[in-house]
């Protein structure tokens, strides 16, 4: 059981480093990361000619950036 715990801990540290964190992130680092991710998603959507919007239920939907606003 201890082996699994330490293996999970090592994997978690590896994942954190892969995402640019040296250790457990602070709230401030998480906010900065979320803003950066939002910017990247906006650029990706713009390159595909779509945008992300939330419907009334809070679910994210991709819609075309044309005048019709047709959903994909």
N, C-alpha and C. Protein backbone atom coordinates (compact mmCIF):
# COMPACT_ATOMS: atom_id res chain seq x y z
N UNK A 1 0.82 -1.19 0.00
CA UNK A 1 0.00 0.00 0.00
C UNK A 1 0.87 1.26 0.00
N UNK A 2 1.96 1.24 0.75
CA UNK A 2 2.86 2.39 0.78
C UNK A 2 3.49 2.61 -0.59
N UNK A 3 3.79 1.51 -1.29
CA UNK A 3 4.39 1.64 -2.62
C UNK A 3 3.46 2.39 -3.56
N UNK A 4 2.17 2.08 -3.49
CA UNK A 4 1.19 2.75 -4.35
C UNK A 4 1.08 4.23 -3.99
N UNK A 5 1.14 4.54 -2.70
CA UNK A 5 1.06 5.93 -2.26
C UNK A 5 2.23 6.73 -2.82
N UNK A 6 3.44 6.20 -2.67
CA UNK A 6 4.61 6.93 -3.14
C UNK A 6 4.66 6.99 -4.67
N UNK A 7 4.19 5.95 -5.34
CA UNK A 7 4.13 5.98 -6.80
C UNK A 7 3.15 7.06 -7.26
N UNK A 8 2.01 7.17 -6.60
CA UNK A 8 1.03 8.23 -6.93
C UNK A 8 1.61 9.61 -6.66
N UNK A 9 2.36 9.74 -5.56
CA UNK A 9 2.98 11.01 -5.23
C UNK A 9 4.01 11.42 -6.29
N UNK A 10 4.80 10.47 -6.74
CA UNK A 10 5.79 10.73 -7.79
C UNK A 10 5.09 11.11 -9.09
N UNK A 11 4.03 10.40 -9.45
CA UNK A 11 3.28 10.73 -10.66
C UNK A 11 2.66 12.12 -10.57
N UNK A 12 2.16 12.47 -9.40
CA UNK A 12 1.56 13.80 -9.21
C UNK A 12 2.61 14.89 -9.39
N UNK A 13 3.79 14.70 -8.82
CA UNK A 13 4.86 15.68 -8.97
C UNK A 13 5.28 15.79 -10.44
N UNK A 14 5.31 14.69 -11.14
CA UNK A 14 5.65 14.69 -12.57
C UNK A 14 4.61 15.47 -13.37
N UNK A 15 3.33 15.25 -13.06
CA UNK A 15 2.25 15.97 -13.76
C UNK A 15 2.31 17.47 -13.46
N UNK A 16 2.59 17.83 -12.23
CA UNK A 16 2.71 19.25 -11.88
C UNK A 16 3.84 19.90 -12.67
N UNK A 17 5.00 19.23 -12.75
CA UNK A 17 6.12 19.78 -13.51
C UNK A 17 5.77 19.90 -14.99
N UNK A 18 5.02 18.94 -15.52
CA UNK A 18 4.63 18.97 -16.93
C UNK A 18 3.73 20.16 -17.23
N UNK A 19 3.01 20.64 -16.22
CA UNK A 19 2.11 21.79 -16.40
C UNK A 19 2.73 23.10 -15.92
N UNK A 20 4.03 23.07 -15.61
CA UNK A 20 4.73 24.30 -15.25
C UNK A 20 4.75 24.64 -13.78
N UNK A 21 4.38 23.72 -12.92
CA UNK A 21 4.40 23.97 -11.48
C UNK A 21 5.56 23.19 -10.86
N UNK A 22 6.31 23.86 -9.96
CA UNK A 22 7.42 23.18 -9.28
C UNK A 22 6.93 22.33 -8.12
N UNK A 23 5.85 22.74 -7.49
CA UNK A 23 5.29 22.01 -6.35
C UNK A 23 3.80 22.27 -6.31
N UNK A 24 3.17 22.00 -5.18
CA UNK A 24 1.74 22.28 -5.05
C UNK A 24 1.51 23.76 -5.31
N UNK A 25 0.58 24.05 -6.17
CA UNK A 25 0.34 25.42 -6.59
C UNK A 25 -0.49 26.20 -5.58
N UNK A 26 -0.25 27.50 -5.58
CA UNK A 26 -1.03 28.40 -4.72
C UNK A 26 -2.29 28.79 -5.49
N UNK A 27 -3.22 29.41 -4.79
CA UNK A 27 -4.44 29.90 -5.44
C UNK A 27 -4.10 30.91 -6.53
N UNK A 28 -3.11 31.76 -6.26
CA UNK A 28 -2.71 32.76 -7.24
C UNK A 28 -2.16 32.10 -8.51
N UNK A 29 -1.35 31.05 -8.35
CA UNK A 29 -0.81 30.34 -9.51
C UNK A 29 -1.92 29.67 -10.31
N UNK A 30 -2.92 29.12 -9.61
CA UNK A 30 -4.04 28.48 -10.30
C UNK A 30 -4.84 29.48 -11.11
N UNK A 31 -5.05 30.68 -10.57
CA UNK A 31 -5.78 31.72 -11.30
C UNK A 31 -5.00 32.13 -12.54
N UNK A 32 -3.69 32.33 -12.38
CA UNK A 32 -2.85 32.69 -13.53
C UNK A 32 -2.89 31.61 -14.60
N UNK A 33 -2.86 30.34 -14.17
CA UNK A 33 -2.91 29.23 -15.11
C UNK A 33 -4.25 29.20 -15.84
N UNK A 34 -5.33 29.45 -15.11
CA UNK A 34 -6.67 29.45 -15.73
C UNK A 34 -6.79 30.58 -16.75
N UNK A 35 -6.26 31.76 -16.43
CA UNK A 35 -6.30 32.87 -17.39
C UNK A 35 -5.51 32.52 -18.64
N UNK A 36 -4.34 31.91 -18.46
CA UNK A 36 -3.53 31.51 -19.61
C UNK A 36 -4.24 30.48 -20.45
N UNK A 37 -4.91 29.53 -19.81
CA UNK A 37 -5.66 28.51 -20.53
C UNK A 37 -6.83 29.13 -21.29
N UNK A 38 -7.50 30.10 -20.68
CA UNK A 38 -8.60 30.79 -21.33
C UNK A 38 -8.11 31.52 -22.58
N UNK A 39 -6.95 32.17 -22.48
CA UNK A 39 -6.38 32.86 -23.65
C UNK A 39 -6.06 31.88 -24.77
N UNK A 40 -5.51 30.73 -24.41
CA UNK A 40 -5.16 29.72 -25.42
C UNK A 40 -6.42 29.17 -26.09
N UNK A 41 -7.46 28.92 -25.32
CA UNK A 41 -8.71 28.44 -25.90
C UNK A 41 -9.33 29.48 -26.83
N UNK A 42 -9.24 30.75 -26.45
CA UNK A 42 -9.79 31.81 -27.29
C UNK A 42 -9.07 31.87 -28.63
N UNK A 43 -7.76 31.76 -28.61
CA UNK A 43 -6.98 31.78 -29.86
C UNK A 43 -7.31 30.57 -30.71
N UNK A 44 -7.42 29.40 -30.09
CA UNK A 44 -7.75 28.18 -30.83
C UNK A 44 -9.12 28.29 -31.48
N UNK A 45 -10.10 28.77 -30.72
CA UNK A 45 -11.46 28.92 -31.26
C UNK A 45 -11.47 29.93 -32.40
N UNK A 46 -10.75 31.02 -32.24
CA UNK A 46 -10.71 32.04 -33.29
C UNK A 46 -10.10 31.47 -34.57
N UNK A 47 -9.08 30.64 -34.42
CA UNK A 47 -8.44 30.07 -35.61
C UNK A 47 -9.37 29.11 -36.36
N UNK A 48 -10.30 28.49 -35.64
CA UNK A 48 -11.27 27.59 -36.27
C UNK A 48 -12.55 28.31 -36.69
N UNK A 49 -12.67 29.58 -36.35
CA UNK A 49 -13.86 30.34 -36.71
C UNK A 49 -15.07 30.01 -35.87
N UNK A 50 -14.84 29.65 -34.61
CA UNK A 50 -15.93 29.31 -33.70
C UNK A 50 -15.75 30.08 -32.40
N UNK A 51 -16.77 30.00 -31.54
CA UNK A 51 -16.63 30.55 -30.20
C UNK A 51 -17.32 29.64 -29.20
N UNK A 52 -16.86 29.71 -27.97
CA UNK A 52 -17.45 28.92 -26.89
C UNK A 52 -18.44 29.79 -26.13
N UNK A 53 -19.63 29.27 -25.90
CA UNK A 53 -20.63 29.98 -25.10
C UNK A 53 -21.28 28.98 -24.15
N UNK A 54 -21.78 29.50 -23.05
CA UNK A 54 -22.51 28.66 -22.11
C UNK A 54 -23.99 28.81 -22.34
N UNK A 55 -24.70 27.67 -22.32
CA UNK A 55 -26.15 27.74 -22.44
C UNK A 55 -26.75 28.01 -21.07
N UNK A 56 -28.06 28.07 -20.99
CA UNK A 56 -28.72 28.41 -19.73
C UNK A 56 -28.49 27.38 -18.64
N UNK A 57 -28.13 26.16 -19.04
CA UNK A 57 -27.86 25.12 -18.05
C UNK A 57 -26.41 25.11 -17.60
N UNK A 58 -25.59 25.99 -18.19
CA UNK A 58 -24.19 26.06 -17.80
C UNK A 58 -23.27 25.17 -18.61
N UNK A 59 -23.82 24.48 -19.60
CA UNK A 59 -23.00 23.60 -20.44
C UNK A 59 -22.36 24.42 -21.55
N UNK A 60 -21.11 24.10 -21.87
CA UNK A 60 -20.39 24.81 -22.92
C UNK A 60 -20.79 24.27 -24.28
N UNK A 61 -20.97 25.19 -25.23
CA UNK A 61 -21.37 24.85 -26.59
C UNK A 61 -20.45 25.58 -27.56
N UNK A 62 -20.13 24.94 -28.66
CA UNK A 62 -19.34 25.56 -29.72
C UNK A 62 -20.29 26.03 -30.80
N UNK A 63 -20.20 27.32 -31.16
CA UNK A 63 -21.04 27.84 -32.24
C UNK A 63 -20.14 28.50 -33.28
N UNK A 64 -20.63 28.52 -34.50
CA UNK A 64 -19.88 29.13 -35.60
C UNK A 64 -19.89 30.64 -35.44
N UNK A 65 -18.83 31.27 -35.90
CA UNK A 65 -18.71 32.72 -35.82
C UNK A 65 -19.31 33.43 -37.02
N UNK A 66 -20.28 32.82 -37.68
CA UNK A 66 -20.89 33.48 -38.83
C UNK A 66 -22.16 34.22 -38.41
N UNK A 67 -22.79 34.86 -39.35
CA UNK A 67 -23.98 35.64 -39.04
C UNK A 67 -25.14 34.78 -38.59
N UNK A 68 -25.19 33.54 -39.09
CA UNK A 68 -26.28 32.64 -38.73
C UNK A 68 -26.14 32.14 -37.28
N UNK A 69 -24.90 32.01 -36.81
CA UNK A 69 -24.68 31.49 -35.47
C UNK A 69 -25.08 30.03 -35.33
N UNK A 70 -24.94 29.29 -36.43
CA UNK A 70 -25.34 27.88 -36.40
C UNK A 70 -24.45 27.07 -35.48
N UNK A 71 -25.06 26.17 -34.74
CA UNK A 71 -24.29 25.28 -33.88
C UNK A 71 -23.70 24.16 -34.72
N UNK A 72 -22.57 23.67 -34.28
CA UNK A 72 -21.94 22.54 -34.97
C UNK A 72 -22.47 21.25 -34.41
